[in-house]
Amino acid sequence: MQVDEILVWRMWLLTHQQLYTRFDYNVRVGIEQDPGPSYTEAVRRMAIMIRQKRLDAVGWRGVTPYIFEVKRRAGPENVGQLVVYQHWWPFTYPNNLPAQLVLVATDADPHVLPVVAKLGIQYDQVSGVDFSVLAPGRIIPPADQSVNF
């Protein structure tokens, strides 16, 4: 997640995390694209991980997984991401139940909302996120350090 998405997620967690038994992060799904034996094992592992799709979060209600996509403003690309993740979930984790999808955002492109509803994707709109901490100049270095730009 990007910094602004972390702020959205933290606010969402304040009111929803009690509905889930746990959350997993850095979960990957999809095709393991191995560059081949001409590379070292460490490079091969890194290449496989980089090429897989990484989910923002997976929440669990008992044994039911929920795949989360978190955005400041949700758009069509985020719906597409969730659909792709849902497709690859059973191939990557065949022993788990099919995943439910959740789109978490402070706002959404209005073109997305009817599609989200049609596809059965849960949309959780988050309010009250303070993005002002991301404004330029908010990070002030300690008095004994200088910053040159």
C-alpha atoms as a PDB file:
ATOM      1  CA  MET A   1       0.000   0.000   0.000  1.00  0.00           C
ATOM      2  CA  GLN A   2       1.031   3.567  -0.648  1.00  0.00           C
ATOM      3  CA  VAL A   3       1.186   6.042   2.250  1.00  0.00           C
ATOM      4  CA  ASP A   4      -2.227   7.581   1.516  1.00  0.00           C
ATOM      5  CA  GLU A   5      -3.730   4.087   1.245  1.00  0.00           C
ATOM      6  CA  ILE A   6      -2.289   3.157   4.639  1.00  0.00           C
ATOM      7  CA  LEU A   7      -4.138   6.141   6.130  1.00  0.00           C
ATOM      8  CA  VAL A   8      -7.387   4.914   4.533  1.00  0.00           C
ATOM      9  CA  TRP A   9      -6.770   1.358   5.745  1.00  0.00           C
ATOM     10  CA  ARG A  10      -6.007   2.436   9.308  1.00  0.00           C
ATOM     11  CA  MET A  11      -9.250   4.427   9.467  1.00  0.00           C
ATOM     12  CA  TRP A  12     -11.183   1.478   8.021  1.00  0.00           C
ATOM     13  CA  LEU A  13      -9.645  -0.870  10.594  1.00  0.00           C
ATOM     14  CA  LEU A  14     -10.890   1.315  13.451  1.00  0.00           C
ATOM     15  CA  THR A  15     -14.492   0.426  12.646  1.00  0.00           C
ATOM     16  CA  HIS A  16     -14.247  -2.947  10.885  1.00  0.00           C
ATOM     17  CA  GLN A  17     -11.362  -5.038  12.154  1.00  0.00           C
ATOM     18  CA  GLN A  18     -13.470  -6.696  14.865  1.00  0.00           C
ATOM     19  CA  LEU A  19     -15.479  -8.398  12.076  1.00  0.00           C
ATOM     20  CA  TYR A  20     -12.428 -10.453  11.078  1.00  0.00           C
ATOM     21  CA  THR A  21     -10.423 -13.078  12.907  1.00  0.00           C
ATOM     22  CA  ARG A  22      -7.121 -12.008  11.336  1.00  0.00           C
ATOM     23  CA  PHE A  23      -5.454 -10.127   8.476  1.00  0.00           C
ATOM     24  CA  ASP A  24      -2.589 -11.222   6.243  1.00  0.00           C
ATOM     25  CA  TYR A  25      -0.391  -8.811   4.322  1.00  0.00           C
ATOM     26  CA  ASN A  26       2.081  -9.207   1.464  1.00  0.00           C
ATOM     27  CA  VAL A  27       0.004 -12.078   0.092  1.00  0.00           C
ATOM     28  CA  ARG A  28       0.798 -12.997  -3.499  1.00  0.00           C
ATOM     29  CA  VAL A  29      -1.338 -14.730  -6.112  1.00  0.00           C
ATOM     30  CA  GLY A  30      -0.887 -15.718  -9.713  1.00  0.00           C
ATOM     31  CA  ILE A  31       1.606 -17.286 -12.016  1.00  0.00           C
ATOM     32  CA  GLU A  32       5.097 -18.034 -10.720  1.00  0.00           C
ATOM     33  CA  GLN A  33       7.232 -16.799 -13.610  1.00  0.00           C
ATOM     34  CA  ASP A  34      10.651 -18.366 -13.056  1.00  0.00           C
ATOM     35  CA  PRO A  35      13.449 -16.739 -15.102  1.00  0.00           C
ATOM     36  CA  GLY A  36      15.252 -20.086 -15.219  1.00  0.00           C
ATOM     37  CA  PRO A  37      18.247 -21.966 -13.861  1.00  0.00           C
ATOM     38  CA  SER A  38      20.811 -19.608 -15.389  1.00  0.00           C
ATOM     39  CA  TYR A  39      20.081 -17.241 -12.464  1.00  0.00           C
ATOM     40  CA  THR A  40      21.038 -17.711  -8.827  1.00  0.00           C
ATOM     41  CA  GLU A  41      18.380 -19.089  -6.506  1.00  0.00           C
ATOM     42  CA  ALA A  42      18.033 -15.720  -4.752  1.00  0.00           C
ATOM     43  CA  VAL A  43      17.458 -13.882  -8.038  1.00  0.00           C
ATOM     44  CA  ARG A  44      14.979 -16.542  -9.175  1.00  0.00           C
ATOM     45  CA  ARG A  45      12.954 -16.227  -5.934  1.00  0.00           C
ATOM     46  CA  MET A  46      12.945 -12.429  -6.198  1.00  0.00           C
ATOM     47  CA  ALA A  47      11.877 -12.522  -9.871  1.00  0.00           C
ATOM     48  CA  ILE A  48       9.023 -14.891  -9.085  1.00  0.00           C
ATOM     49  CA  MET A  49       7.784 -12.695  -6.239  1.00  0.00           C
ATOM     50  CA  ILE A  50       8.036  -9.455  -8.237  1.00  0.00           C
ATOM     51  CA  ARG A  51       6.040 -10.892 -11.133  1.00  0.00           C
ATOM     52  CA  GLN A  52       3.190 -12.236  -9.017  1.00  0.00           C
ATOM     53  CA  LYS A  53       0.271 -10.037  -8.016  1.00  0.00           C
ATOM     54  CA  ARG A  54       0.437  -8.691  -4.450  1.00  0.00           C
ATOM     55  CA  LEU A  55      -2.780  -8.134  -2.546  1.00  0.00           C
ATOM     56  CA  ASP A  56      -3.207  -5.132  -0.258  1.00  0.00           C
ATOM     57  CA  ALA A  57      -4.642  -7.339   2.472  1.00  0.00           C
ATOM     58  CA  VAL A  58      -6.515 -10.572   3.064  1.00  0.00           C
ATOM     59  CA  GLY A  59      -8.972 -10.620   5.940  1.00  0.00           C
ATOM     60  CA  TRP A  60     -10.378 -13.814   7.365  1.00  0.00           C
ATOM     61  CA  ARG A  61     -13.767 -14.499   8.875  1.00  0.00           C
ATOM     62  CA  GLY A  62     -13.116 -17.966  10.142  1.00  0.00           C
ATOM     63  CA  VAL A  63     -12.085 -19.885   7.018  1.00  0.00           C
ATOM     64  CA  THR A  64     -13.568 -17.409   4.518  1.00  0.00           C
ATOM     65  CA  PRO A  65     -10.995 -15.124   2.864  1.00  0.00           C
ATOM     66  CA  TYR A  66     -11.720 -11.511   1.900  1.00  0.00           C
ATOM     67  CA  ILE A  67      -9.385  -9.831  -0.563  1.00  0.00           C
ATOM     68  CA  PHE A  68      -9.037  -6.088   0.008  1.00  0.00           C
ATOM     69  CA  GLU A  69      -8.032  -3.406  -2.459  1.00  0.00           C
ATOM     70  CA  VAL A  70      -7.454  -0.090  -0.689  1.00  0.00           C
ATOM     71  CA  LYS A  71      -7.395   3.252  -2.494  1.00  0.00           C
ATOM     72  CA  ARG A  72      -7.798   6.921  -1.759  1.00  0.00           C
ATOM     73  CA  ARG A  73     -10.081   7.205  -4.824  1.00  0.00           C
ATOM     74  CA  ALA A  74     -11.227   3.968  -6.434  1.00  0.00           C
ATOM     75  CA  GLY A  75     -11.386   3.700 -10.192  1.00  0.00           C
ATOM     76  CA  PRO A  76     -12.026   1.079 -12.864  1.00  0.00           C
ATOM     77  CA  GLU A  77      -8.478  -0.268 -12.599  1.00  0.00           C
ATOM     78  CA  ASN A  78      -9.098  -1.237  -8.973  1.00  0.00           C
ATOM     79  CA  VAL A  79     -12.190  -3.251  -9.875  1.00  0.00           C
ATOM     80  CA  GLY A  80     -10.085  -4.994 -12.515  1.00  0.00           C
ATOM     81  CA  GLN A  81      -7.389  -5.760  -9.968  1.00  0.00           C
ATOM     82  CA  LEU A  82      -9.896  -7.394  -7.633  1.00  0.00           C
ATOM     83  CA  VAL A  83     -11.372  -9.515 -10.425  1.00  0.00           C
ATOM     84  CA  VAL A  84      -7.895 -10.697 -11.433  1.00  0.00           C
ATOM     85  CA  TYR A  85      -6.996 -11.477  -7.829  1.00  0.00           C
ATOM     86  CA  GLN A  86     -10.208 -13.458  -7.347  1.00  0.00           C
ATOM     87  CA  HIS A  87      -9.496 -15.448 -10.497  1.00  0.00           C
ATOM     88  CA  TRP A  88      -5.997 -16.464  -9.377  1.00  0.00           C
ATOM     89  CA  TRP A  89      -6.824 -17.070  -5.707  1.00  0.00           C
ATOM     90  CA  PRO A  90      -7.957 -20.717  -6.102  1.00  0.00           C
ATOM     91  CA  PHE A  91      -4.958 -21.581  -8.276  1.00  0.00           C
ATOM     92  CA  THR A  92      -2.541 -20.190  -5.712  1.00  0.00           C
ATOM     93  CA  TYR A  93      -4.426 -21.363  -2.610  1.00  0.00           C
ATOM     94  CA  PRO A  94      -6.449 -24.423  -3.731  1.00  0.00           C
ATOM     95  CA  ASN A  95      -7.190 -25.546  -0.158  1.00  0.00           C
ATOM     96  CA  ASN A  96      -8.971 -22.304   0.755  1.00  0.00           C
ATOM     97  CA  LEU A  97     -12.539 -21.246   0.094  1.00  0.00           C
ATOM     98  CA  PRO A  98     -13.205 -18.837  -2.793  1.00  0.00           C
ATOM     99  CA  ALA A  99     -12.327 -15.272  -1.847  1.00  0.00           C
ATOM    100  CA  GLN A 100     -14.842 -12.490  -1.337  1.00  0.00           C
ATOM    101  CA  LEU A 101     -13.853  -9.065  -2.649  1.00  0.00           C
ATOM    102  CA  VAL A 102     -13.812  -5.738  -0.795  1.00  0.00           C
ATOM    103  CA  LEU A 103     -12.964  -2.332  -2.230  1.00  0.00           C
ATOM    104  CA  VAL A 104     -12.058   0.204   0.462  1.00  0.00           C
ATOM    105  CA  ALA A 105     -11.745   3.892  -0.479  1.00  0.00           C
ATOM    106  CA  THR A 106     -12.579   7.403   0.625  1.00  0.00           C
ATOM    107  CA  ASP A 107     -14.194   8.084  -2.732  1.00  0.00           C
ATOM    108  CA  ALA A 108     -14.950   6.303  -5.995  1.00  0.00           C
ATOM    109  CA  ASP A 109     -15.368   7.154  -9.633  1.00  0.00           C
ATOM    110  CA  PRO A 110     -19.173   7.058 -10.059  1.00  0.00           C
ATOM    111  CA  HIS A 111     -18.781   4.811 -13.111  1.00  0.00           C
ATOM    112  CA  VAL A 112     -17.372   2.128 -10.816  1.00  0.00           C
ATOM    113  CA  LEU A 113     -20.177   1.842  -8.272  1.00  0.00           C
ATOM    114  CA  PRO A 114     -22.804   0.109 -10.478  1.00  0.00           C
ATOM    115  CA  VAL A 115     -20.160  -2.331 -11.717  1.00  0.00           C
ATOM    116  CA  VAL A 116     -19.010  -3.081  -8.181  1.00  0.00           C
ATOM    117  CA  ALA A 117     -22.623  -3.801  -7.200  1.00  0.00           C
ATOM    118  CA  LYS A 118     -23.212  -5.975 -10.276  1.00  0.00           C
ATOM    119  CA  LEU A 119     -20.073  -8.041  -9.589  1.00  0.00           C
ATOM    120  CA  GLY A 120     -20.930  -8.505  -5.916  1.00  0.00           C
ATOM    121  CA  ILE A 121     -17.890  -6.607  -4.691  1.00  0.00           C
ATOM    122  CA  GLN A 122     -18.357  -5.056  -1.269  1.00  0.00           C
ATOM    123  CA  TYR A 123     -17.621  -1.320  -1.313  1.00  0.00           C
ATOM    124  CA  ASP A 124     -16.674   0.298   1.986  1.00  0.00           C
ATOM    125  CA  GLN A 125     -16.433   4.065   1.822  1.00  0.00           C
ATOM    126  CA  VAL A 126     -14.193   5.516   4.512  1.00  0.00           C
ATOM    127  CA  SER A 127     -14.654   9.029   5.850  1.00  0.00           C
ATOM    128  CA  GLY A 128     -12.668  11.147   8.250  1.00  0.00           C
ATOM    129  CA  VAL A 129      -9.199  10.339   6.903  1.00  0.00           C
ATOM    130  CA  ASP A 130      -6.738  13.153   7.619  1.00  0.00           C
ATOM    131  CA  PHE A 131      -4.495  13.424   4.577  1.00  0.00           C
ATOM    132  CA  SER A 132      -2.964  16.696   5.766  1.00  0.00           C
ATOM    133  CA  VAL A 133      -0.046  14.762   7.240  1.00  0.00           C
ATOM    134  CA  LEU A 134       1.046  14.131   3.641  1.00  0.00           C
ATOM    135  CA  ALA A 135       1.290  17.823   2.765  1.00  0.00           C
ATOM    136  CA  PRO A 136       4.720  19.173   1.757  1.00  0.00           C
ATOM    137  CA  GLY A 137       6.595  20.622   4.683  1.00  0.00           C
ATOM    138  CA  ARG A 138       4.829  18.455   7.264  1.00  0.00           C
ATOM    139  CA  ILE A 139       7.977  16.448   7.901  1.00  0.00           C
ATOM    140  CA  ILE A 140      10.337  18.719   9.758  1.00  0.00           C
ATOM    141  CA  PRO A 141      13.913  17.528  10.288  1.00  0.00           C
ATOM    142  CA  PRO A 142      15.427  17.699  13.776  1.00  0.00           C
ATOM    143  CA  ALA A 143      16.987  21.081  14.604  1.00  0.00           C
ATOM    144  CA  ASP A 144      20.505  19.655  14.512  1.00  0.00           C
ATOM    145  CA  GLN A 145      20.184  18.388  10.905  1.00  0.00           C
ATOM    146  CA  SER A 146      20.036  20.439   7.757  1.00  0.00           C
ATOM    147  CA  VAL A 147      18.264  19.461   4.580  1.00  0.00           C
ATOM    148  CA  ASN A 148      19.478  20.680   1.207  1.00  0.00           C
ATOM    149  CA  PHE A 149      17.283  20.451  -1.856  1.00  0.00           C
END
